[in-house]
Amino acid sequence: MSDHAVSSATFRWRIDDFYWGVAAQAVAVMFILGWLALRSNRWWPLVAAAAVVLIVLVHGLTIVTSITPAAAVSARVGLWMVVNIALLAGVAERWLAGERAVGDRRTWRRRRPLQAGGPSAERGLAGEQAVSRFGRHRARDAVQTGET
């Protein structure tokens, strides 16, 4: 989605047939996926990074050779389809293998509103002070140990 939004916004930034805004965005995605491919032990980041490298090469070919704009755009669209299929296949592979999602190991909780008679209310703490990044019960622990 963000790729489409950036490409749509920078589509008119061009020098002759070279769309430099879209090319800069493809180079940024190439570095991000390349970094991910080098850190991961999965196959799909490598496929996606390789396809984006080819996309950047197509951008380079529009400068160096006399490739037609229609051929360049068609090659880029086809290669972006390879990237999207690799991403979907990576998700499908993990699902078919029965692996748990990475996010299942983490607990996501909403912050609960303060209770009227709770320890945080006794100390006069409210909202963000009572629920800090160091733990949900920091204010209660401070009251029990006598800290101020």
N, C-alpha and C. Protein backbone atom coordinates (compact mmCIF):
# COMPACT_ATOMS: atom_id res chain seq x y z
N MET A 1 0.81 -1.19 0.00
CA MET A 1 0.00 0.00 0.00
C MET A 1 0.86 1.26 0.00
N SER A 2 1.86 1.29 0.88
CA SER A 2 2.70 2.48 0.93
C SER A 2 3.51 2.62 -0.35
N ASP A 3 3.89 1.49 -0.94
CA ASP A 3 4.61 1.53 -2.20
C ASP A 3 3.76 2.20 -3.28
N HIS A 4 2.50 1.83 -3.33
CA HIS A 4 1.60 2.43 -4.31
C HIS A 4 1.40 3.91 -4.03
N ALA A 5 1.26 4.28 -2.77
CA ALA A 5 1.06 5.69 -2.42
C ALA A 5 2.28 6.53 -2.79
N VAL A 6 3.47 6.03 -2.49
CA VAL A 6 4.70 6.77 -2.82
C VAL A 6 4.88 6.84 -4.33
N SER A 7 4.64 5.73 -5.00
CA SER A 7 4.79 5.72 -6.46
C SER A 7 3.79 6.67 -7.12
N SER A 8 2.57 6.71 -6.60
CA SER A 8 1.56 7.62 -7.16
C SER A 8 1.93 9.07 -6.93
N ALA A 9 2.51 9.35 -5.76
CA ALA A 9 2.87 10.73 -5.44
C ALA A 9 4.07 11.20 -6.24
N THR A 10 5.01 10.30 -6.53
CA THR A 10 6.24 10.69 -7.21
C THR A 10 6.23 10.35 -8.69
N PHE A 11 5.09 9.94 -9.21
CA PHE A 11 5.01 9.49 -10.60
C PHE A 11 5.41 10.60 -11.59
N ARG A 12 5.08 11.82 -11.29
CA ARG A 12 5.34 12.92 -12.22
C ARG A 12 6.77 13.47 -12.12
N TRP A 13 7.53 13.02 -11.12
CA TRP A 13 8.92 13.46 -10.98
C TRP A 13 9.77 12.62 -11.92
N ARG A 14 10.09 13.15 -13.06
CA ARG A 14 10.86 12.37 -14.02
C ARG A 14 11.77 13.26 -14.86
N ILE A 15 12.80 12.62 -15.37
CA ILE A 15 13.71 13.25 -16.32
C ILE A 15 13.63 12.38 -17.57
N ASP A 16 13.05 12.91 -18.62
CA ASP A 16 12.74 12.15 -19.84
C ASP A 16 11.90 10.94 -19.48
N ASP A 17 12.44 9.73 -19.67
CA ASP A 17 11.68 8.52 -19.35
C ASP A 17 12.11 7.88 -18.04
N PHE A 18 12.95 8.56 -17.27
CA PHE A 18 13.45 8.03 -16.01
C PHE A 18 12.66 8.64 -14.86
N TYR A 19 11.92 7.81 -14.15
CA TYR A 19 11.13 8.24 -13.00
C TYR A 19 12.01 8.15 -11.75
N TRP A 20 12.67 9.23 -11.41
CA TRP A 20 13.67 9.17 -10.34
C TRP A 20 13.04 9.04 -8.96
N GLY A 21 11.85 9.53 -8.76
CA GLY A 21 11.19 9.35 -7.46
C GLY A 21 10.85 7.90 -7.19
N VAL A 22 10.33 7.23 -8.21
CA VAL A 22 10.00 5.81 -8.09
C VAL A 22 11.28 4.98 -7.96
N ALA A 23 12.32 5.39 -8.68
CA ALA A 23 13.60 4.66 -8.60
C ALA A 23 14.22 4.81 -7.21
N ALA A 24 14.15 5.99 -6.62
CA ALA A 24 14.69 6.19 -5.26
C ALA A 24 13.94 5.35 -4.25
N GLN A 25 12.63 5.26 -4.42
CA GLN A 25 11.83 4.44 -3.53
C GLN A 25 12.19 2.96 -3.70
N ALA A 26 12.43 2.51 -4.92
CA ALA A 26 12.81 1.12 -5.17
C ALA A 26 14.19 0.82 -4.56
N VAL A 27 15.09 1.78 -4.61
CA VAL A 27 16.41 1.58 -3.99
C VAL A 27 16.27 1.44 -2.48
N ALA A 28 15.42 2.26 -1.87
CA ALA A 28 15.19 2.16 -0.42
C ALA A 28 14.60 0.80 -0.06
N VAL A 29 13.62 0.33 -0.82
CA VAL A 29 13.02 -0.98 -0.57
C VAL A 29 14.06 -2.09 -0.79
N MET A 30 14.94 -1.90 -1.76
CA MET A 30 15.99 -2.89 -2.03
C MET A 30 16.90 -3.04 -0.81
N PHE A 31 17.29 -1.92 -0.21
CA PHE A 31 18.17 -2.00 0.97
C PHE A 31 17.44 -2.62 2.16
N ILE A 32 16.18 -2.29 2.34
CA ILE A 32 15.42 -2.85 3.47
C ILE A 32 15.24 -4.36 3.29
N LEU A 33 14.81 -4.78 2.12
CA LEU A 33 14.63 -6.23 1.89
C LEU A 33 15.96 -6.97 1.86
N GLY A 34 17.02 -6.32 1.37
CA GLY A 34 18.34 -6.94 1.40
C GLY A 34 18.82 -7.18 2.82
N TRP A 35 18.59 -6.19 3.68
CA TRP A 35 18.96 -6.34 5.09
C TRP A 35 18.15 -7.47 5.73
N LEU A 36 16.85 -7.52 5.41
CA LEU A 36 16.00 -8.57 5.94
C LEU A 36 16.43 -9.94 5.43
N ALA A 37 16.81 -10.03 4.16
CA ALA A 37 17.24 -11.31 3.58
C ALA A 37 18.53 -11.81 4.22
N LEU A 38 19.43 -10.90 4.56
CA LEU A 38 20.69 -11.31 5.17
C LEU A 38 20.51 -11.72 6.63
N ARG A 39 19.50 -11.22 7.30
CA ARG A 39 19.26 -11.54 8.70
C ARG A 39 18.33 -12.73 8.90
N SER A 40 17.61 -13.12 7.86
CA SER A 40 16.58 -14.14 7.99
C SER A 40 17.07 -15.48 7.48
N ASN A 41 16.46 -16.54 7.99
CA ASN A 41 16.76 -17.87 7.46
C ASN A 41 15.61 -18.39 6.60
N ARG A 42 14.76 -17.49 6.14
CA ARG A 42 13.63 -17.85 5.29
C ARG A 42 14.00 -17.62 3.83
N TRP A 43 13.26 -18.25 2.93
CA TRP A 43 13.55 -18.11 1.50
C TRP A 43 12.89 -16.89 0.90
N TRP A 44 11.74 -16.48 1.40
CA TRP A 44 10.98 -15.43 0.74
C TRP A 44 11.63 -14.05 0.79
N PRO A 45 12.37 -13.67 1.85
CA PRO A 45 13.03 -12.37 1.77
C PRO A 45 14.10 -12.32 0.69
N LEU A 46 14.74 -13.45 0.45
CA LEU A 46 15.77 -13.51 -0.59
C LEU A 46 15.13 -13.35 -1.98
N VAL A 47 14.00 -14.01 -2.21
CA VAL A 47 13.30 -13.88 -3.49
C VAL A 47 12.81 -12.45 -3.69
N ALA A 48 12.22 -11.88 -2.64
CA ALA A 48 11.71 -10.51 -2.74
C ALA A 48 12.85 -9.52 -2.97
N ALA A 49 13.97 -9.69 -2.27
CA ALA A 49 15.10 -8.79 -2.45
C ALA A 49 15.69 -8.93 -3.85
N ALA A 50 15.77 -10.15 -4.36
CA ALA A 50 16.30 -10.35 -5.72
C ALA A 50 15.40 -9.69 -6.76
N ALA A 51 14.09 -9.79 -6.57
CA ALA A 51 13.17 -9.15 -7.52
C ALA A 51 13.30 -7.63 -7.47
N VAL A 52 13.49 -7.07 -6.29
CA VAL A 52 13.64 -5.62 -6.18
C VAL A 52 14.98 -5.17 -6.76
N VAL A 53 16.02 -5.99 -6.63
CA VAL A 53 17.29 -5.67 -7.30
C VAL A 53 17.08 -5.62 -8.81
N LEU A 54 16.31 -6.55 -9.35
CA LEU A 54 16.00 -6.52 -10.78
C LEU A 54 15.18 -5.28 -11.15
N ILE A 55 14.30 -4.86 -10.27
CA ILE A 55 13.53 -3.63 -10.51
C ILE A 55 14.46 -2.43 -10.60
N VAL A 56 15.42 -2.36 -9.69
CA VAL A 56 16.40 -1.26 -9.72
C VAL A 56 17.23 -1.33 -11.00
N LEU A 57 17.58 -2.54 -11.44
CA LEU A 57 18.31 -2.68 -12.69
C LEU A 57 17.48 -2.21 -13.89
N VAL A 58 16.19 -2.47 -13.87
CA VAL A 58 15.32 -1.98 -14.94
C VAL A 58 15.31 -0.46 -14.95
N HIS A 59 15.28 0.15 -13.76
CA HIS A 59 15.37 1.61 -13.69
C HIS A 59 16.69 2.09 -14.30
N GLY A 60 17.77 1.37 -14.01
CA GLY A 60 19.06 1.73 -14.60
C GLY A 60 19.09 1.56 -16.11
N LEU A 61 18.41 0.54 -16.59
CA LEU A 61 18.36 0.31 -18.03
C LEU A 61 17.65 1.43 -18.78
N THR A 62 16.70 2.07 -18.13
CA THR A 62 16.00 3.18 -18.79
C THR A 62 16.93 4.35 -19.04
N ILE A 63 18.00 4.46 -18.24
CA ILE A 63 18.98 5.54 -18.44
C ILE A 63 19.99 5.14 -19.51
N VAL A 64 20.48 3.91 -19.43
CA VAL A 64 21.61 3.48 -20.25
C VAL A 64 21.19 3.05 -21.67
N THR A 65 20.07 2.36 -21.77
CA THR A 65 19.67 1.81 -23.07
C THR A 65 18.45 2.55 -23.62
N SER A 66 18.04 2.13 -24.77
CA SER A 66 16.87 2.75 -25.39
C SER A 66 15.63 1.88 -25.19
N ILE A 67 15.46 1.35 -24.00
CA ILE A 67 14.28 0.55 -23.69
C ILE A 67 13.05 1.47 -23.70
N THR A 68 11.97 0.97 -24.21
CA THR A 68 10.77 1.80 -24.28
C THR A 68 10.15 1.95 -22.89
N PRO A 69 9.50 3.07 -22.62
CA PRO A 69 8.86 3.24 -21.31
C PRO A 69 7.83 2.16 -21.00
N ALA A 70 7.09 1.72 -22.03
CA ALA A 70 6.09 0.67 -21.81
C ALA A 70 6.76 -0.64 -21.39
N ALA A 71 7.89 -0.96 -21.98
CA ALA A 71 8.60 -2.20 -21.62
C ALA A 71 9.16 -2.10 -20.19
N ALA A 72 9.67 -0.94 -19.83
CA ALA A 72 10.22 -0.76 -18.48
C ALA A 72 9.12 -0.87 -17.43
N VAL A 73 8.00 -0.21 -17.69
CA VAL A 73 6.89 -0.27 -16.73
C VAL A 73 6.36 -1.68 -16.64
N SER A 74 6.24 -2.36 -17.75
CA SER A 74 5.74 -3.73 -17.75
C SER A 74 6.68 -4.66 -16.97
N ALA A 75 7.97 -4.48 -17.13
CA ALA A 75 8.93 -5.30 -16.38
C ALA A 75 8.84 -5.02 -14.88
N ARG A 76 8.72 -3.73 -14.52
CA ARG A 76 8.62 -3.38 -13.10
C ARG A 76 7.34 -3.92 -12.48
N VAL A 77 6.23 -3.84 -13.19
CA VAL A 77 4.96 -4.36 -12.66
C VAL A 77 5.06 -5.87 -12.47
N GLY A 78 5.62 -6.56 -13.43
CA GLY A 78 5.79 -8.01 -13.31
C GLY A 78 6.67 -8.40 -12.15
N LEU A 79 7.75 -7.66 -11.95
CA LEU A 79 8.65 -7.97 -10.84
C LEU A 79 8.03 -7.63 -9.49
N TRP A 80 7.22 -6.57 -9.43
CA TRP A 80 6.51 -6.28 -8.17
C TRP A 80 5.51 -7.39 -7.87
N MET A 81 4.95 -8.00 -8.91
CA MET A 81 4.06 -9.14 -8.68
C MET A 81 4.84 -10.31 -8.08
N VAL A 82 6.08 -10.50 -8.52
CA VAL A 82 6.93 -11.55 -7.94
C VAL A 82 7.17 -11.26 -6.45
N VAL A 83 7.42 -10.00 -6.11
CA VAL A 83 7.63 -9.63 -4.70
C VAL A 83 6.38 -9.95 -3.90
N ASN A 84 5.22 -9.53 -4.38
CA ASN A 84 3.97 -9.78 -3.65
C ASN A 84 3.67 -11.26 -3.51
N ILE A 85 3.91 -12.04 -4.56
CA ILE A 85 3.68 -13.48 -4.49
C ILE A 85 4.64 -14.14 -3.50
N ALA A 86 5.89 -13.67 -3.46
CA ALA A 86 6.85 -14.21 -2.48
C ALA A 86 6.40 -13.92 -1.05
N LEU A 87 5.89 -12.70 -0.82
CA LEU A 87 5.41 -12.36 0.52
C LEU A 87 4.22 -13.22 0.91
N LEU A 88 3.28 -13.39 0.00
CA LEU A 88 2.11 -14.23 0.30
C LEU A 88 2.50 -15.69 0.47
N ALA A 89 3.42 -16.18 -0.34
CA ALA A 89 3.86 -17.57 -0.22
C ALA A 89 4.60 -17.79 1.09
N GLY A 90 5.34 -16.79 1.56
CA GLY A 90 6.01 -16.91 2.85
C GLY A 90 5.02 -17.05 3.99
N VAL A 91 3.95 -16.28 3.94
CA VAL A 91 2.90 -16.39 4.96
C VAL A 91 2.20 -17.74 4.85
N ALA A 92 1.88 -18.16 3.63
CA ALA A 92 1.21 -19.44 3.43
C ALA A 92 2.07 -20.60 3.90
N GLU A 93 3.37 -20.52 3.65
CA GLU A 93 4.27 -21.60 4.07
C GLU A 93 4.26 -21.74 5.58
N ARG A 94 4.34 -20.64 6.28
CA ARG A 94 4.34 -20.67 7.74
C ARG A 94 3.02 -21.21 8.27
N TRP A 95 1.92 -20.81 7.63
CA TRP A 95 0.60 -21.27 8.06
C TRP A 95 0.45 -22.77 7.80
N LEU A 96 0.87 -23.23 6.61
CA LEU A 96 0.75 -24.65 6.28
C LEU A 96 1.65 -25.52 7.15
N ALA A 97 2.78 -24.98 7.57
CA ALA A 97 3.69 -25.74 8.43
C ALA A 97 3.18 -25.83 9.87
N GLY A 98 2.15 -25.06 10.17
CA GLY A 98 1.60 -25.10 11.52
C GLY A 98 2.40 -24.31 12.54
N GLU A 99 3.26 -23.43 12.07
CA GLU A 99 4.06 -22.62 12.99
C GLU A 99 3.20 -21.51 13.58
N ARG A 100 3.50 -21.19 14.81
CA ARG A 100 2.78 -20.11 15.46
C ARG A 100 3.26 -18.78 14.91
N ALA A 101 2.39 -17.82 14.92
CA ALA A 101 2.78 -16.48 14.52
C ALA A 101 3.75 -15.90 15.54
N VAL A 102 4.63 -15.05 15.12
CA VAL A 102 5.61 -14.46 16.02
C VAL A 102 4.92 -13.67 17.12
N GLY A 103 3.84 -13.01 16.77
CA GLY A 103 3.13 -12.18 17.73
C GLY A 103 2.39 -12.96 18.80
N ASP A 104 2.22 -14.29 18.66
CA ASP A 104 1.53 -15.08 19.68
C ASP A 104 2.30 -15.16 20.98
N ARG A 105 3.60 -15.00 20.92
CA ARG A 105 4.42 -15.09 22.12
C ARG A 105 4.33 -13.83 22.98
N ARG A 106 3.89 -12.78 22.40
CA ARG A 106 3.81 -11.51 23.12
C ARG A 106 2.40 -11.31 23.63
N THR A 107 2.30 -10.65 24.74
CA THR A 107 0.99 -10.35 25.29
C THR A 107 0.70 -8.88 25.04
N TRP A 108 -0.38 -8.64 24.34
CA TRP A 108 -0.78 -7.26 24.08
C TRP A 108 -1.99 -6.98 24.95
N ARG A 109 -1.81 -6.01 25.82
CA ARG A 109 -2.90 -5.66 26.72
C ARG A 109 -3.24 -4.19 26.55
N ARG A 110 -4.49 -3.92 26.73
CA ARG A 110 -4.91 -2.52 26.78
C ARG A 110 -4.67 -2.01 28.19
N ARG A 111 -4.39 -0.76 28.27
CA ARG A 111 -4.24 -0.17 29.59
C ARG A 111 -5.61 -0.05 30.24
N ARG A 112 -5.68 -0.51 31.45
CA ARG A 112 -6.94 -0.46 32.17
C ARG A 112 -7.09 0.89 32.86
N PRO A 113 -8.29 1.41 32.93
CA PRO A 113 -8.48 2.66 33.67
C PRO A 113 -8.24 2.43 35.15
N LEU A 114 -7.82 3.47 35.84
CA LEU A 114 -7.55 3.35 37.27
C LEU A 114 -8.85 3.11 38.03
N GLN A 115 -8.73 2.27 39.04
CA GLN A 115 -9.89 2.03 39.89
C GLN A 115 -9.93 3.09 40.98
N ALA A 116 -11.10 3.40 41.42
CA ALA A 116 -11.28 4.50 42.37
C ALA A 116 -10.53 4.29 43.66
N GLY A 117 -10.51 3.09 44.20
CA GLY A 117 -9.88 2.88 45.50
C GLY A 117 -8.54 2.19 45.42
N GLY A 118 -7.93 2.12 44.26
CA GLY A 118 -6.67 1.40 44.09
C GLY A 118 -5.48 2.13 44.67
N PRO A 119 -4.32 1.46 44.76
CA PRO A 119 -3.13 2.08 45.36
C PRO A 119 -2.65 3.30 44.59
N SER A 120 -2.86 3.32 43.28
CA SER A 120 -2.43 4.49 42.51
C SER A 120 -3.27 5.70 42.85
N ALA A 121 -4.54 5.47 43.10
CA ALA A 121 -5.41 6.58 43.45
C ALA A 121 -5.04 7.13 44.83
N GLU A 122 -4.60 6.24 45.75
CA GLU A 122 -4.22 6.68 47.08
C GLU A 122 -2.99 7.59 47.02
N ARG A 123 -2.08 7.31 46.12
CA ARG A 123 -0.86 8.11 46.01
C ARG A 123 -1.08 9.35 45.15
N GLY A 124 -2.23 9.45 44.52
CA GLY A 124 -2.51 10.62 43.69
C GLY A 124 -1.99 10.48 42.27
N LEU A 125 -1.60 9.26 41.88
CA LEU A 125 -1.11 9.05 40.53
C LEU A 125 -2.28 8.76 39.61
N ALA A 126 -2.17 9.21 38.39
CA ALA A 126 -3.25 8.95 37.44
C ALA A 126 -2.68 8.67 36.08
N GLY A 127 -3.43 7.93 35.31
CA GLY A 127 -3.12 7.71 33.89
C GLY A 127 -1.74 7.17 33.64
N GLU A 128 -0.93 7.96 32.90
CA GLU A 128 0.38 7.50 32.43
C GLU A 128 1.36 7.28 33.58
N GLN A 129 1.23 8.02 34.68
CA GLN A 129 2.16 7.85 35.79
C GLN A 129 1.96 6.50 36.47
N ALA A 130 0.71 6.08 36.58
CA ALA A 130 0.42 4.82 37.27
C ALA A 130 0.81 3.62 36.42
N VAL A 131 0.66 3.71 35.11
CA VAL A 131 0.98 2.61 34.22
C VAL A 131 2.18 3.05 33.39
N SER A 132 3.35 2.65 33.84
CA SER A 132 4.56 3.09 33.14
C SER A 132 5.11 1.98 32.29
N ARG A 133 6.17 2.27 31.56
CA ARG A 133 6.77 1.25 30.71
C ARG A 133 7.55 0.23 31.52
N PHE A 134 7.77 0.49 32.80
CA PHE A 134 8.51 -0.44 33.64
C PHE A 134 7.62 -1.47 34.29
N GLY A 135 6.36 -1.35 34.14
CA GLY A 135 5.47 -2.35 34.70
C GLY A 135 4.14 -1.76 35.10
N ARG A 136 3.14 -2.62 35.04
CA ARG A 136 1.79 -2.15 35.32
C ARG A 136 1.58 -1.83 36.79
N HIS A 137 2.32 -2.48 37.66
CA HIS A 137 2.07 -2.34 39.09
C HIS A 137 3.18 -1.56 39.80
N ARG A 138 3.86 -0.70 39.10
CA ARG A 138 4.96 0.03 39.71
C ARG A 138 4.49 0.90 40.87
N ALA A 139 3.38 1.58 40.69
CA ALA A 139 2.87 2.45 41.75
C ALA A 139 2.47 1.62 42.96
N ARG A 140 1.84 0.46 42.76
CA ARG A 140 1.44 -0.40 43.87
C ARG A 140 2.67 -0.90 44.62
N ASP A 141 3.71 -1.31 43.88
CA ASP A 141 4.92 -1.81 44.52
C ASP A 141 5.60 -0.73 45.33
N ALA A 142 5.57 0.51 44.81
CA ALA A 142 6.20 1.62 45.53
C ALA A 142 5.46 1.89 46.84
N VAL A 143 4.15 1.77 46.86
CA VAL A 143 3.36 1.98 48.08
C VAL A 143 3.66 0.87 49.07
N GLN A 144 3.76 -0.38 48.61
CA GLN A 144 3.98 -1.50 49.52
C GLN A 144 5.38 -1.48 50.13
N THR A 145 6.39 -1.00 49.40
CA THR A 145 7.75 -0.98 49.92
C THR A 145 8.09 0.32 50.61
N GLY A 146 7.21 1.29 50.55
CA GLY A 146 7.42 2.55 51.25
C GLY A 146 8.24 3.56 50.45
N GLU A 147 8.47 3.31 49.16
CA GLU A 147 9.21 4.26 48.35
C GLU A 147 8.32 5.45 48.04
N THR A 148 8.97 6.56 47.76
CA THR A 148 8.21 7.74 47.36
C THR A 148 8.59 8.20 46.01
